[in-house]
Each structure stands twice: as C-alpha cells, then as structure tokens.
C-alpha cells in the first residue's frame, strides 16, 4: 500500500495525506509549512488555487465519485 493517500471527496476537494510534495509547472515547491494533509480544489472557484478554500460549498459544485478500473494505457509511439 502506498504511503500517500489521495481521497477524492463527493462534491468537494481532493484530500492528500502523508508524505508528498506540491510543485508548480517549473518544479518549484509550494511551502506547505509542515502540513502532512492538504486539500486541492476541484471546483475551480477557490481563491487559493490549487488549494481548496471551501468555495465548492457555495458555488453549486457537485460530483459523486465512485472508484473504478482505468483502461490499460495505450503504448507510447
């Protein structure tokens, strides 16, 4: 079992727990001030992107999540 746990919440954020790093497109790390749990925005309305600020509760965002098997990836050419 992987150490990092990622939970996609119904109608809300993506919660990341344990040992992880969040970087921008250039590879620069976000300063997480020692946090071992964060929530990432899924609704697109957070004023603190990529982190969740709870905006999903007031913007009408809904998405029910169910685990499923992904198809086998296509080979890279």
Protein backbone atom coordinates (compact mmCIF):
# COMPACT_ATOMS: atom_id res chain seq x y z
CA UNK A 1 0.00 0.00 0.00
CA UNK A 2 1.33 3.45 -0.94
CA UNK A 3 2.23 5.84 1.88
CA UNK A 4 0.49 8.83 0.31
CA UNK A 5 -3.31 8.64 0.42
CA UNK A 6 -5.39 10.69 -2.03
CA UNK A 7 -9.13 10.88 -1.41
CA UNK A 8 -11.47 12.38 -4.00
CA UNK A 9 -14.40 13.66 -1.93
CA UNK A 10 -18.02 13.73 -3.10
CA UNK A 11 -18.97 17.29 -4.09
CA UNK A 12 -15.68 18.67 -2.84
CA UNK A 13 -11.92 18.65 -2.77
CA UNK A 14 -9.13 16.18 -3.33
CA UNK A 15 -7.51 15.40 0.04
CA UNK A 16 -3.82 14.43 0.07
CA UNK A 17 -2.33 12.87 3.21
CA UNK A 18 1.10 11.71 4.40
CA UNK A 19 4.40 12.29 2.57
CA UNK A 20 4.05 14.41 -0.58
CA UNK A 21 5.33 17.50 -2.36
CA UNK A 22 3.31 20.01 -4.41
CA UNK A 23 5.23 21.74 -7.20
CA UNK A 24 4.37 24.33 -9.86
CA UNK A 25 4.93 23.70 -13.62
CA UNK A 26 8.57 24.76 -13.28
CA UNK A 27 9.17 22.28 -10.45
CA UNK A 28 9.31 24.88 -7.66
CA UNK A 29 7.84 23.56 -4.38
CA UNK A 30 4.94 25.20 -2.59
CA UNK A 31 5.84 25.95 1.04
CA UNK A 32 3.43 23.79 3.00
CA UNK A 33 4.66 24.88 6.45
CA UNK A 34 5.00 21.30 7.67
CA UNK A 35 1.48 20.21 6.68
CA UNK A 36 1.00 16.47 6.16
CA UNK A 37 -2.58 16.90 4.90
CA UNK A 38 -3.89 19.34 2.29
CA UNK A 39 -6.99 19.68 0.13
CA UNK A 40 -6.79 20.55 -3.56
CA UNK A 41 -9.55 22.43 -5.40
CA UNK A 42 -11.74 20.52 -7.85
CA UNK A 43 -14.49 23.09 -8.41
CA UNK A 44 -12.26 25.80 -9.91
CA UNK A 45 -13.67 28.55 -7.67
CA UNK A 46 -11.05 28.62 -4.89
CA UNK A 47 -9.30 31.96 -4.40
CA UNK A 48 -6.29 29.95 -3.13
CA UNK A 49 -5.76 27.58 -6.10
CA UNK A 50 -4.51 24.93 -6.33
CA UNK A 51 -5.62 24.58 -2.70
CA UNK A 52 -9.24 24.30 -1.60
CA UNK A 53 -10.80 27.20 0.32
CA UNK A 54 -14.27 25.64 0.67
CA UNK A 55 -15.78 27.52 -2.30
CA UNK A 56 -17.33 24.26 -3.56
CA UNK A 57 -19.88 24.59 -0.74
CA UNK A 58 -21.31 27.84 -2.13
CA UNK A 59 -20.76 27.63 -5.91
CA UNK A 60 -23.04 24.66 -6.55
CA UNK A 61 -20.27 22.19 -7.42
CA UNK A 62 -21.49 18.59 -7.44
CA UNK A 63 -19.73 15.40 -8.43
CA UNK A 64 -20.31 11.98 -6.95
CA UNK A 65 -17.21 9.81 -7.00
CA UNK A 66 -17.03 6.03 -7.38
CA UNK A 67 -13.79 4.04 -7.66
CA UNK A 68 -13.35 2.19 -10.94
CA UNK A 69 -10.70 0.44 -13.01
CA UNK A 70 -8.98 2.58 -15.63
CA UNK A 71 -8.36 1.10 -19.05
CA UNK A 72 -4.87 -0.14 -19.87
CA UNK A 73 -2.81 2.82 -21.18
CA UNK A 74 -2.10 2.93 -24.90
CA UNK A 75 1.56 2.33 -25.77
CA UNK A 76 3.60 5.46 -26.44
CA UNK A 77 4.79 5.65 -30.01
